[in-house]
Amino acid sequence: EAGARLPTKVGQTIGIVGGIVIGTASVEAGLTSNVLLIIVALAALA
């Protein structure tokens, strides 16, 4: 939603950077497992 509502260039940056930062931080913080992170990312891509 953030990527769709923001201007094109900013939206692309938010999608890529936000996904990497939040995904990495959530695994390192112990909130989610790296296996589920891969599964959810593949489901979104599909």
All heavy atoms as atom14 arrays in JSON, in Angstrom:
{
  "sequence": "EAGARLPTKVGQTIGIVGGIVIGTASVEAGLTSNVLLIIVALAALA",
  "atom14_mask": [
    [1, 1, 1, 1, 1, 1, 1, 1, 1, 0, 0, 0, 0, 0],
    [1, 1, 1, 1, 1, 0, 0, 0, 0, 0, 0, 0, 0, 0],
    [1, 1, 1, 1, 0, 0, 0, 0, 0, 0, 0, 0, 0, 0],
    [1, 1, 1, 1, 1, 0, 0, 0, 0, 0, 0, 0, 0, 0],
    [1, 1, 1, 1, 1, 1, 1, 1, 1, 1, 1, 0, 0, 0],
    [1, 1, 1, 1, 1, 1, 1, 1, 0, 0, 0, 0, 0, 0],
    [1, 1, 1, 1, 1, 1, 1, 0, 0, 0, 0, 0, 0, 0],
    [1, 1, 1, 1, 1, 1, 1, 0, 0, 0, 0, 0, 0, 0],
    [1, 1, 1, 1, 1, 1, 1, 1, 1, 0, 0, 0, 0, 0],
    [1, 1, 1, 1, 1, 1, 1, 0, 0, 0, 0, 0, 0, 0],
    [1, 1, 1, 1, 0, 0, 0, 0, 0, 0, 0, 0, 0, 0],
    [1, 1, 1, 1, 1, 1, 1, 1, 1, 0, 0, 0, 0, 0],
    [1, 1, 1, 1, 1, 1, 1, 0, 0, 0, 0, 0, 0, 0],
    [1, 1, 1, 1, 1, 1, 1, 1, 0, 0, 0, 0, 0, 0],
    [1, 1, 1, 1, 0, 0, 0, 0, 0, 0, 0, 0, 0, 0],
    [1, 1, 1, 1, 1, 1, 1, 1, 0, 0, 0, 0, 0, 0],
    [1, 1, 1, 1, 1, 1, 1, 0, 0, 0, 0, 0, 0, 0],
    [1, 1, 1, 1, 0, 0, 0, 0, 0, 0, 0, 0, 0, 0],
    [1, 1, 1, 1, 0, 0, 0, 0, 0, 0, 0, 0, 0, 0],
    [1, 1, 1, 1, 1, 1, 1, 1, 0, 0, 0, 0, 0, 0],
    [1, 1, 1, 1, 1, 1, 1, 0, 0, 0, 0, 0, 0, 0],
    [1, 1, 1, 1, 1, 1, 1, 1, 0, 0, 0, 0, 0, 0],
    [1, 1, 1, 1, 0, 0, 0, 0, 0, 0, 0, 0, 0, 0],
    [1, 1, 1, 1, 1, 1, 1, 0, 0, 0, 0, 0, 0, 0],
    [1, 1, 1, 1, 1, 0, 0, 0, 0, 0, 0, 0, 0, 0],
    [1, 1, 1, 1, 1, 1, 0, 0, 0, 0, 0, 0, 0, 0],
    [1, 1, 1, 1, 1, 1, 1, 0, 0, 0, 0, 0, 0, 0],
    [1, 1, 1, 1, 1, 1, 1, 1, 1, 0, 0, 0, 0, 0],
    [1, 1, 1, 1, 1, 0, 0, 0, 0, 0, 0, 0, 0, 0],
    [1, 1, 1, 1, 0, 0, 0, 0, 0, 0, 0, 0, 0, 0],
    [1, 1, 1, 1, 1, 1, 1, 1, 0, 0, 0, 0, 0, 0],
    [1, 1, 1, 1, 1, 1, 1, 0, 0, 0, 0, 0, 0, 0],
    [1, 1, 1, 1, 1, 1, 0, 0, 0, 0, 0, 0, 0, 0],
    [1, 1, 1, 1, 1, 1, 1, 1, 0, 0, 0, 0, 0, 0],
    [1, 1, 1, 1, 1, 1, 1, 0, 0, 0, 0, 0, 0, 0],
    [1, 1, 1, 1, 1, 1, 1, 1, 0, 0, 0, 0, 0, 0],
    [1, 1, 1, 1, 1, 1, 1, 1, 0, 0, 0, 0, 0, 0],
    [1, 1, 1, 1, 1, 1, 1, 1, 0, 0, 0, 0, 0, 0],
    [1, 1, 1, 1, 1, 1, 1, 1, 0, 0, 0, 0, 0, 0],
    [1, 1, 1, 1, 1, 1, 1, 0, 0, 0, 0, 0, 0, 0],
    [1, 1, 1, 1, 1, 0, 0, 0, 0, 0, 0, 0, 0, 0],
    [1, 1, 1, 1, 1, 1, 1, 1, 0, 0, 0, 0, 0, 0],
    [1, 1, 1, 1, 1, 0, 0, 0, 0, 0, 0, 0, 0, 0],
    [1, 1, 1, 1, 1, 0, 0, 0, 0, 0, 0, 0, 0, 0],
    [1, 1, 1, 1, 1, 1, 1, 1, 0, 0, 0, 0, 0, 0],
    [1, 1, 1, 1, 1, 0, 0, 0, 0, 0, 0, 0, 0, 0]
  ],
  "atom14_positions": [
    [[0.82, -1.2, 0.0], [0.0, 0.0, 0.0], [0.86, 1.26, 0.0], [0.56, 2.22, -0.69], [-0.93, 0.0, 1.23], [-2.09, -0.96, 1.1], [-2.98, -0.62, -0.08], [-3.43, 0.54, -0.18], [-3.22, -1.5, -0.92], [0.0, 0.0, 0.0], [0.0, 0.0, 0.0], [0.0, 0.0, 0.0], [0.0, 0.0, 0.0], [0.0, 0.0, 0.0]],
    [[1.92, 1.24, 0.78], [2.81, 2.4, 0.8], [3.45, 2.62, -0.56], [3.54, 3.76, -1.05], [3.89, 2.21, 1.87], [0.0, 0.0, 0.0], [0.0, 0.0, 0.0], [0.0, 0.0, 0.0], [0.0, 0.0, 0.0], [0.0, 0.0, 0.0], [0.0, 0.0, 0.0], [0.0, 0.0, 0.0], [0.0, 0.0, 0.0], [0.0, 0.0, 0.0]],
    [[3.9, 1.55, -1.19], [4.51, 1.68, -2.5], [3.53, 2.14, -3.57], [3.9, 2.87, -4.49], [0.0, 0.0, 0.0], [0.0, 0.0, 0.0], [0.0, 0.0, 0.0], [0.0, 0.0, 0.0], [0.0, 0.0, 0.0], [0.0, 0.0, 0.0], [0.0, 0.0, 0.0], [0.0, 0.0, 0.0], [0.0, 0.0, 0.0], [0.0, 0.0, 0.0]],
    [[2.26, 1.74, -3.45], [1.26, 2.11, -4.44], [0.8, 3.56, -4.29], [0.46, 4.21, -5.28], [0.05, 1.18, -4.34], [0.0, 0.0, 0.0], [0.0, 0.0, 0.0], [0.0, 0.0, 0.0], [0.0, 0.0, 0.0], [0.0, 0.0, 0.0], [0.0, 0.0, 0.0], [0.0, 0.0, 0.0], [0.0, 0.0, 0.0], [0.0, 0.0, 0.0]],
    [[0.79, 4.08, -3.08], [0.27, 5.43, -2.83], [1.32, 6.53, -2.98], [0.99, 7.68, -3.18], [-0.34, 5.51, -1.42], [-1.42, 4.49, -1.16], [-2.67, 4.74, -2.0], [-3.59, 3.6, -1.89], [-3.85, 2.78, -2.86], [-3.25, 2.93, -4.03], [-4.7, 1.79, -2.72], [0.0, 0.0, 0.0], [0.0, 0.0, 0.0], [0.0, 0.0, 0.0]],
    [[2.58, 6.18, -2.86], [3.65, 7.16, -2.99], [4.02, 7.37, -4.45], [3.68, 6.55, -5.3], [4.89, 6.7, -2.2], [4.75, 6.69, -0.68], [5.96, 6.03, -0.04], [4.59, 8.11, -0.14], [0.0, 0.0, 0.0], [0.0, 0.0, 0.0], [0.0, 0.0, 0.0], [0.0, 0.0, 0.0], [0.0, 0.0, 0.0], [0.0, 0.0, 0.0]],
    [[4.7, 8.48, -4.77], [5.19, 8.67, -6.15], [6.04, 7.48, -6.6], [6.63, 6.78, -5.78], [6.02, 9.95, -6.05], [5.45, 10.69, -4.9], [4.98, 9.65, -3.92], [0.0, 0.0, 0.0], [0.0, 0.0, 0.0], [0.0, 0.0, 0.0], [0.0, 0.0, 0.0], [0.0, 0.0, 0.0], [0.0, 0.0, 0.0], [0.0, 0.0, 0.0]],
    [[6.13, 7.28, -7.92], [6.71, 6.06, -8.47], [8.11, 5.77, -7.94], [8.38, 4.68, -7.43], [6.76, 6.16, -10.0], [5.44, 6.44, -10.49], [7.24, 4.85, -10.61], [0.0, 0.0, 0.0], [0.0, 0.0, 0.0], [0.0, 0.0, 0.0], [0.0, 0.0, 0.0], [0.0, 0.0, 0.0], [0.0, 0.0, 0.0], [0.0, 0.0, 0.0]],
    [[9.01, 6.73, -8.04], [10.39, 6.48, -7.64], [10.49, 6.23, -6.14], [11.22, 5.34, -5.68], [11.26, 7.66, -8.05], [11.38, 7.83, -9.55], [12.3, 8.97, -9.92], [12.42, 9.1, -11.44], [13.3, 10.22, -11.84], [0.0, 0.0, 0.0], [0.0, 0.0, 0.0], [0.0, 0.0, 0.0], [0.0, 0.0, 0.0], [0.0, 0.0, 0.0]],
    [[9.76, 7.02, -5.35], [9.79, 6.84, -3.9], [9.15, 5.51, -3.53], [9.63, 4.79, -2.65], [9.08, 8.01, -3.19], [9.11, 7.83, -1.68], [9.71, 9.33, -3.58], [0.0, 0.0, 0.0], [0.0, 0.0, 0.0], [0.0, 0.0, 0.0], [0.0, 0.0, 0.0], [0.0, 0.0, 0.0], [0.0, 0.0, 0.0], [0.0, 0.0, 0.0]],
    [[8.07, 5.15, -4.21], [7.38, 3.9, -3.93], [8.25, 2.68, -4.16], [8.25, 1.72, -3.39], [0.0, 0.0, 0.0], [0.0, 0.0, 0.0], [0.0, 0.0, 0.0], [0.0, 0.0, 0.0], [0.0, 0.0, 0.0], [0.0, 0.0, 0.0], [0.0, 0.0, 0.0], [0.0, 0.0, 0.0], [0.0, 0.0, 0.0], [0.0, 0.0, 0.0]],
    [[9.01, 2.7, -5.27], [9.92, 1.58, -5.55], [10.99, 1.47, -4.46], [11.33, 0.37, -4.03], [10.56, 1.79, -6.91], [9.6, 1.66, -8.08], [10.25, 1.99, -9.41], [11.38, 2.45, -9.46], [9.52, 1.74, -10.49], [0.0, 0.0, 0.0], [0.0, 0.0, 0.0], [0.0, 0.0, 0.0], [0.0, 0.0, 0.0], [0.0, 0.0, 0.0]],
    [[11.5, 2.61, -4.02], [12.52, 2.6, -2.98], [11.97, 2.05, -1.67], [12.61, 1.24, -0.99], [13.07, 4.02, -2.76], [13.55, 4.54, -4.0], [14.21, 4.02, -1.75], [0.0, 0.0, 0.0], [0.0, 0.0, 0.0], [0.0, 0.0, 0.0], [0.0, 0.0, 0.0], [0.0, 0.0, 0.0], [0.0, 0.0, 0.0], [0.0, 0.0, 0.0]],
    [[10.75, 2.49, -1.31], [10.12, 2.02, -0.08], [9.92, 0.5, -0.13], [10.19, -0.22, 0.84], [8.77, 2.73, 0.14], [9.0, 4.19, 0.55], [7.94, 2.01, 1.2], [9.62, 4.36, 1.91], [0.0, 0.0, 0.0], [0.0, 0.0, 0.0], [0.0, 0.0, 0.0], [0.0, 0.0, 0.0], [0.0, 0.0, 0.0], [0.0, 0.0, 0.0]],
    [[9.45, -0.02, -1.28], [9.19, -1.45, -1.39], [10.45, -2.29, -1.23], [10.46, -3.3, -0.51], [0.0, 0.0, 0.0], [0.0, 0.0, 0.0], [0.0, 0.0, 0.0], [0.0, 0.0, 0.0], [0.0, 0.0, 0.0], [0.0, 0.0, 0.0], [0.0, 0.0, 0.0], [0.0, 0.0, 0.0], [0.0, 0.0, 0.0], [0.0, 0.0, 0.0]],
    [[11.52, -1.87, -1.88], [12.76, -2.66, -1.84], [13.47, -2.51, -0.5], [13.75, -3.49, 0.2], [13.69, -2.24, -3.0], [13.03, -2.53, -4.35], [15.02, -2.96, -2.89], [13.77, -1.97, -5.54], [0.0, 0.0, 0.0], [0.0, 0.0, 0.0], [0.0, 0.0, 0.0], [0.0, 0.0, 0.0], [0.0, 0.0, 0.0], [0.0, 0.0, 0.0]],
    [[13.74, -1.25, -0.12], [14.48, -1.0, 1.12], [13.67, -1.45, 2.33], [14.2, -2.09, 3.25], [14.84, 0.5, 1.23], [15.52, 0.79, 2.56], [15.73, 0.9, 0.07], [0.0, 0.0, 0.0], [0.0, 0.0, 0.0], [0.0, 0.0, 0.0], [0.0, 0.0, 0.0], [0.0, 0.0, 0.0], [0.0, 0.0, 0.0], [0.0, 0.0, 0.0]],
    [[12.37, -1.13, 2.34], [11.52, -1.51, 3.48], [11.47, -3.02, 3.66], [11.55, -3.52, 4.79], [0.0, 0.0, 0.0], [0.0, 0.0, 0.0], [0.0, 0.0, 0.0], [0.0, 0.0, 0.0], [0.0, 0.0, 0.0], [0.0, 0.0, 0.0], [0.0, 0.0, 0.0], [0.0, 0.0, 0.0], [0.0, 0.0, 0.0], [0.0, 0.0, 0.0]],
    [[11.33, -3.76, 2.54], [11.29, -5.21, 2.65], [12.57, -5.8, 3.2], [12.54, -6.69, 4.07], [0.0, 0.0, 0.0], [0.0, 0.0, 0.0], [0.0, 0.0, 0.0], [0.0, 0.0, 0.0], [0.0, 0.0, 0.0], [0.0, 0.0, 0.0], [0.0, 0.0, 0.0], [0.0, 0.0, 0.0], [0.0, 0.0, 0.0], [0.0, 0.0, 0.0]],
    [[13.69, -5.31, 2.7], [14.98, -5.84, 3.17], [15.2, -5.49, 4.64], [15.57, -6.35, 5.46], [16.12, -5.29, 2.29], [15.98, -5.81, 0.85], [17.48, -5.67, 2.87], [16.96, -5.19, -0.12], [0.0, 0.0, 0.0], [0.0, 0.0, 0.0], [0.0, 0.0, 0.0], [0.0, 0.0, 0.0], [0.0, 0.0, 0.0], [0.0, 0.0, 0.0]],
    [[15.0, -4.23, 5.0], [15.29, -3.78, 6.36], [14.38, -4.44, 7.37], [14.83, -5.0, 8.39], [15.17, -2.24, 6.45], [15.25, -1.78, 7.9], [16.25, -1.57, 5.62], [0.0, 0.0, 0.0], [0.0, 0.0, 0.0], [0.0, 0.0, 0.0], [0.0, 0.0, 0.0], [0.0, 0.0, 0.0], [0.0, 0.0, 0.0], [0.0, 0.0, 0.0]],
    [[13.07, -4.42, 7.1], [12.11, -4.98, 8.06], [12.29, -6.5, 8.17], [12.25, -7.07, 9.27], [10.68, -4.62, 7.66], [10.47, -3.11, 7.77], [9.66, -5.36, 8.54], [9.12, -2.64, 7.29], [0.0, 0.0, 0.0], [0.0, 0.0, 0.0], [0.0, 0.0, 0.0], [0.0, 0.0, 0.0], [0.0, 0.0, 0.0], [0.0, 0.0, 0.0]],
    [[12.49, -7.18, 7.03], [12.68, -8.62, 7.06], [13.91, -9.03, 7.84], [13.87, -9.91, 8.71], [0.0, 0.0, 0.0], [0.0, 0.0, 0.0], [0.0, 0.0, 0.0], [0.0, 0.0, 0.0], [0.0, 0.0, 0.0], [0.0, 0.0, 0.0], [0.0, 0.0, 0.0], [0.0, 0.0, 0.0], [0.0, 0.0, 0.0], [0.0, 0.0, 0.0]],
    [[15.01, -8.36, 7.56], [16.27, -8.69, 8.27], [16.15, -8.38, 9.75], [16.58, -9.18, 10.61], [17.43, -7.9, 7.65], [17.5, -8.17, 6.25], [18.74, -8.28, 8.31], [0.0, 0.0, 0.0], [0.0, 0.0, 0.0], [0.0, 0.0, 0.0], [0.0, 0.0, 0.0], [0.0, 0.0, 0.0], [0.0, 0.0, 0.0], [0.0, 0.0, 0.0]],
    [[15.56, -7.22, 10.06], [15.45, -6.82, 11.48], [14.53, -7.75, 12.26], [14.81, -8.08, 13.42], [14.94, -5.38, 11.56], [0.0, 0.0, 0.0], [0.0, 0.0, 0.0], [0.0, 0.0, 0.0], [0.0, 0.0, 0.0], [0.0, 0.0, 0.0], [0.0, 0.0, 0.0], [0.0, 0.0, 0.0], [0.0, 0.0, 0.0], [0.0, 0.0, 0.0]],
    [[13.43, -8.2, 11.64], [12.5, -9.07, 12.36], [13.12, -10.43, 12.64], [12.88, -11.03, 13.7], [11.2, -9.24, 11.54], [11.48, -9.86, 10.29], [0.0, 0.0, 0.0], [0.0, 0.0, 0.0], [0.0, 0.0, 0.0], [0.0, 0.0, 0.0], [0.0, 0.0, 0.0], [0.0, 0.0, 0.0], [0.0, 0.0, 0.0], [0.0, 0.0, 0.0]],
    [[13.96, -10.95, 11.72], [14.63, -12.23, 11.96], [15.69, -12.08, 13.05], [15.78, -12.91, 13.97], [15.27, -12.74, 10.65], [16.14, -13.96, 10.93], [14.18, -13.11, 9.64], [0.0, 0.0, 0.0], [0.0, 0.0, 0.0], [0.0, 0.0, 0.0], [0.0, 0.0, 0.0], [0.0, 0.0, 0.0], [0.0, 0.0, 0.0], [0.0, 0.0, 0.0]],
    [[16.47, -11.01, 12.98], [17.51, -10.8, 13.99], [16.93, -10.52, 15.37], [17.53, -10.88, 16.39], [18.42, -9.65, 13.56], [19.28, -9.97, 12.34], [20.17, -8.82, 11.95], [20.04, -7.73, 12.58], [21.0, -8.99, 11.04], [0.0, 0.0, 0.0], [0.0, 0.0, 0.0], [0.0, 0.0, 0.0], [0.0, 0.0, 0.0], [0.0, 0.0, 0.0]],
    [[15.75, -9.9, 15.42], [15.11, -9.62, 16.71], [14.41, -10.83, 17.28], [13.93, -10.79, 18.42], [14.12, -8.47, 16.55], [0.0, 0.0, 0.0], [0.0, 0.0, 0.0], [0.0, 0.0, 0.0], [0.0, 0.0, 0.0], [0.0, 0.0, 0.0], [0.0, 0.0, 0.0], [0.0, 0.0, 0.0], [0.0, 0.0, 0.0], [0.0, 0.0, 0.0]],
    [[14.3, -11.89, 16.5], [13.66, -13.1, 16.99], [12.15, -13.06, 16.95], [11.49, -13.82, 17.66], [0.0, 0.0, 0.0], [0.0, 0.0, 0.0], [0.0, 0.0, 0.0], [0.0, 0.0, 0.0], [0.0, 0.0, 0.0], [0.0, 0.0, 0.0], [0.0, 0.0, 0.0], [0.0, 0.0, 0.0], [0.0, 0.0, 0.0], [0.0, 0.0, 0.0]],
    [[11.56, -12.17, 16.12], [10.1, -12.1, 16.02], [9.56, -13.08, 14.98], [8.43, -13.54, 15.09], [9.67, -10.67, 15.66], [9.95, -9.59, 16.7], [9.54, -8.22, 16.17], [9.2, -9.9, 18.0], [0.0, 0.0, 0.0], [0.0, 0.0, 0.0], [0.0, 0.0, 0.0], [0.0, 0.0, 0.0], [0.0, 0.0, 0.0], [0.0, 0.0, 0.0]],
    [[10.33, -13.36, 13.95], [9.91, -14.29, 12.9], [11.08, -15.19, 12.53], [12.25, -14.85, 12.76], [9.45, -13.54, 11.63], [10.53, -12.75, 11.14], [8.25, -12.64, 11.93], [0.0, 0.0, 0.0], [0.0, 0.0, 0.0], [0.0, 0.0, 0.0], [0.0, 0.0, 0.0], [0.0, 0.0, 0.0], [0.0, 0.0, 0.0], [0.0, 0.0, 0.0]],
    [[10.76, -16.32, 11.95], [11.8, -17.24, 11.5], [12.18, -16.92, 10.07], [11.37, -16.41, 9.29], [11.3, -18.69, 11.6], [10.25, -18.9, 10.68], [0.0, 0.0, 0.0], [0.0, 0.0, 0.0], [0.0, 0.0, 0.0], [0.0, 0.0, 0.0], [0.0, 0.0, 0.0], [0.0, 0.0, 0.0], [0.0, 0.0, 0.0], [0.0, 0.0, 0.0]],
    [[13.41, -17.25, 9.71], [13.86, -16.97, 8.36], [13.16, -17.85, 7.32], [12.98, -17.47, 6.18], [15.39, -17.16, 8.26], [15.83, -18.47, 8.89], [15.02, -19.37, 9.14], [17.13, -18.6, 9.14], [0.0, 0.0, 0.0], [0.0, 0.0, 0.0], [0.0, 0.0, 0.0], [0.0, 0.0, 0.0], [0.0, 0.0, 0.0], [0.0, 0.0, 0.0]],
    [[12.7, -19.04, 7.74], [11.97, -19.92, 6.83], [10.63, -19.29, 6.43], [10.26, -19.25, 5.26], [11.75, -21.31, 7.46], [10.87, -22.17, 6.56], [13.08, -21.99, 7.72], [0.0, 0.0, 0.0], [0.0, 0.0, 0.0], [0.0, 0.0, 0.0], [0.0, 0.0, 0.0], [0.0, 0.0, 0.0], [0.0, 0.0, 0.0], [0.0, 0.0, 0.0]],
    [[9.91, -18.79, 7.44], [8.62, -18.17, 7.14], [8.81, -16.89, 6.33], [7.98, -16.57, 5.47], [7.86, -17.86, 8.43], [6.48, -17.21, 8.25], [5.57, -18.11, 7.41], [5.84, -16.91, 9.59], [0.0, 0.0, 0.0], [0.0, 0.0, 0.0], [0.0, 0.0, 0.0], [0.0, 0.0, 0.0], [0.0, 0.0, 0.0], [0.0, 0.0, 0.0]],
    [[9.86, -16.15, 6.59], [10.13, -14.94, 5.82], [10.28, -15.27, 4.34], [9.75, -14.57, 3.47], [11.4, -14.26, 6.35], [11.81, -12.97, 5.64], [10.75, -11.9, 5.82], [13.15, -12.48, 6.17], [0.0, 0.0, 0.0], [0.0, 0.0, 0.0], [0.0, 0.0, 0.0], [0.0, 0.0, 0.0], [0.0, 0.0, 0.0], [0.0, 0.0, 0.0]],
    [[10.99, -16.36, 4.03], [11.15, -16.78, 2.63], [9.8, -17.2, 2.05], [9.46, -16.86, 0.91], [12.16, -17.94, 2.55], [13.55, -17.46, 2.98], [12.2, -18.53, 1.14], [14.57, -18.57, 3.1], [0.0, 0.0, 0.0], [0.0, 0.0, 0.0], [0.0, 0.0, 0.0], [0.0, 0.0, 0.0], [0.0, 0.0, 0.0], [0.0, 0.0, 0.0]],
    [[9.0, -17.93, 2.83], [7.7, -18.41, 2.35], [6.77, -17.24, 2.03], [6.12, -17.21, 0.98], [7.07, -19.35, 3.39], [7.84, -20.69, 3.43], [5.6, -19.59, 3.08], [7.36, -21.63, 4.51], [0.0, 0.0, 0.0], [0.0, 0.0, 0.0], [0.0, 0.0, 0.0], [0.0, 0.0, 0.0], [0.0, 0.0, 0.0], [0.0, 0.0, 0.0]],
    [[6.69, -16.27, 2.94], [5.8, -15.12, 2.73], [6.27, -14.29, 1.55], [5.45, -13.79, 0.75], [5.73, -14.27, 4.01], [4.98, -12.97, 3.75], [5.03, -15.04, 5.13], [0.0, 0.0, 0.0], [0.0, 0.0, 0.0], [0.0, 0.0, 0.0], [0.0, 0.0, 0.0], [0.0, 0.0, 0.0], [0.0, 0.0, 0.0], [0.0, 0.0, 0.0]],
    [[7.58, -14.13, 1.4], [8.1, -13.37, 0.26], [7.77, -14.06, -1.06], [7.37, -13.41, -2.04], [9.61, -13.19, 0.41], [0.0, 0.0, 0.0], [0.0, 0.0, 0.0], [0.0, 0.0, 0.0], [0.0, 0.0, 0.0], [0.0, 0.0, 0.0], [0.0, 0.0, 0.0], [0.0, 0.0, 0.0], [0.0, 0.0, 0.0], [0.0, 0.0, 0.0]],
    [[7.9, -15.39, -1.11], [7.55, -16.13, -2.32], [6.05, -16.06, -2.6], [5.63, -15.96, -3.77], [7.99, -17.59, -2.18], [9.49, -17.87, -2.25], [9.77, -19.34, -1.96], [10.05, -17.46, -3.61], [0.0, 0.0, 0.0], [0.0, 0.0, 0.0], [0.0, 0.0, 0.0], [0.0, 0.0, 0.0], [0.0, 0.0, 0.0], [0.0, 0.0, 0.0]],
    [[5.23, -16.11, -1.55], [3.78, -16.01, -1.74], [3.4, -14.64, -2.3], [2.54, -14.53, -3.19], [3.07, -16.25, -0.41], [0.0, 0.0, 0.0], [0.0, 0.0, 0.0], [0.0, 0.0, 0.0], [0.0, 0.0, 0.0], [0.0, 0.0, 0.0], [0.0, 0.0, 0.0], [0.0, 0.0, 0.0], [0.0, 0.0, 0.0], [0.0, 0.0, 0.0]],
    [[4.04, -13.58, -1.79], [3.78, -12.23, -2.32], [4.22, -12.12, -3.77], [3.51, -11.54, -4.61], [4.49, -11.2, -1.46], [0.0, 0.0, 0.0], [0.0, 0.0, 0.0], [0.0, 0.0, 0.0], [0.0, 0.0, 0.0], [0.0, 0.0, 0.0], [0.0, 0.0, 0.0], [0.0, 0.0, 0.0], [0.0, 0.0, 0.0], [0.0, 0.0, 0.0]],
    [[5.38, -12.7, -4.08], [5.87, -12.67, -5.46], [4.94, -13.44, -6.39], [4.66, -13.0, -7.51], [7.28, -13.27, -5.5], [8.01, -13.23, -6.84], [8.24, -11.78, -7.27], [9.32, -13.98, -6.76], [0.0, 0.0, 0.0], [0.0, 0.0, 0.0], [0.0, 0.0, 0.0], [0.0, 0.0, 0.0], [0.0, 0.0, 0.0], [0.0, 0.0, 0.0]],
    [[4.43, -14.57, -5.92], [3.52, -15.37, -6.75], [2.22, -14.63, -7.03], [1.63, -14.77, -8.11], [3.23, -16.71, -6.06], [0.0, 0.0, 0.0], [0.0, 0.0, 0.0], [0.0, 0.0, 0.0], [0.0, 0.0, 0.0], [0.0, 0.0, 0.0], [0.0, 0.0, 0.0], [0.0, 0.0, 0.0], [0.0, 0.0, 0.0], [0.0, 0.0, 0.0]]
  ]
}
